[in-house]
């Protein structure tokens, strides 16, 4: 599989594990994402949106700490 995707097998394994554990989170969601590319994209966008909001909040906290 990794050679078909022209990527490192370790990277593919790590990415698949991360996707399953952090983005899909349940067997049902994983199956839905694997059946439907649109669902896969939606879950990834939701995940990234949440992380971007978390990053913004953390940045605001660090800015406040720096100003103390």
Protein backbone atom coordinates (compact mmCIF):
# COMPACT_ATOMS: atom_id res chain seq x y z
CA UNK A 1 0.00 0.00 0.00
CA UNK A 2 2.67 2.52 0.93
CA UNK A 3 4.55 1.89 -2.28
CA UNK A 4 1.31 2.43 -4.25
CA UNK A 5 0.90 5.79 -2.53
CA UNK A 6 4.61 6.53 -3.01
CA UNK A 7 5.16 7.20 0.68
CA UNK A 8 7.05 5.74 3.59
CA UNK A 9 5.32 2.75 5.22
CA UNK A 10 6.01 4.18 8.68
CA UNK A 11 4.41 7.49 7.73
CA UNK A 12 1.38 5.73 6.31
CA UNK A 13 1.03 3.62 9.44
CA UNK A 14 1.40 6.63 11.74
CA UNK A 15 -1.08 8.67 9.70
CA UNK A 16 -3.62 5.85 9.63
CA UNK A 17 -3.30 5.37 13.38
CA UNK A 18 -3.63 9.11 14.07
CA UNK A 19 -6.65 9.41 11.82
CA UNK A 20 -8.39 6.49 13.48
CA UNK A 21 -7.54 7.50 17.03
CA UNK A 22 -7.90 11.29 16.83
CA UNK A 23 -10.26 12.08 13.98
CA UNK A 24 -12.59 9.14 13.33
CA UNK A 25 -12.55 8.09 17.04
CA UNK A 26 -15.13 5.28 16.73
CA UNK A 27 -15.46 2.20 14.54
CA UNK A 28 -18.70 3.55 13.11
CA UNK A 29 -17.20 6.92 12.15
CA UNK A 30 -14.16 5.23 10.68
CA UNK A 31 -16.35 3.00 8.50
CA UNK A 32 -18.44 6.00 7.41
CA UNK A 33 -15.30 7.95 6.48
CA UNK A 34 -13.82 5.05 4.56
CA UNK A 35 -17.07 4.58 2.60
CA UNK A 36 -17.62 8.26 1.81
CA UNK A 37 -14.84 10.65 0.83
CA UNK A 38 -17.15 13.57 1.62
CA UNK A 39 -17.59 12.32 5.19
CA UNK A 40 -13.83 11.85 5.46
CA UNK A 41 -13.22 15.43 4.34
CA UNK A 42 -15.90 16.74 6.71
CA UNK A 43 -14.37 14.98 9.73
CA UNK A 44 -10.89 16.22 8.85
CA UNK A 45 -12.15 19.80 8.44
CA UNK A 46 -13.98 19.63 11.79
CA UNK A 47 -10.83 18.31 13.44
CA UNK A 48 -8.65 21.02 11.92
CA UNK A 49 -11.14 23.75 12.78
CA UNK A 50 -11.18 22.69 16.42
CA UNK A 51 -7.38 22.60 16.57
CA UNK A 52 -7.14 26.05 14.96
CA UNK A 53 -9.53 27.48 17.55
CA UNK A 54 -7.55 25.83 20.36
CA UNK A 55 -4.31 27.23 18.94
CA UNK A 56 -5.79 30.74 18.77
CA UNK A 57 -6.94 30.54 22.40
CA UNK A 58 -3.55 29.29 23.55
CA UNK A 59 -1.85 32.08 21.65
CA UNK A 60 -4.09 34.63 23.39
CA UNK A 61 -3.21 33.15 26.78
CA UNK A 62 0.52 33.25 26.01
CA UNK A 63 0.21 36.87 24.85
CA UNK A 64 -1.44 37.79 28.16
CA UNK A 65 1.24 35.97 30.14
CA UNK A 66 3.96 37.81 28.22
CA UNK A 67 2.33 41.13 29.10
CA UNK A 68 2.36 40.48 32.86
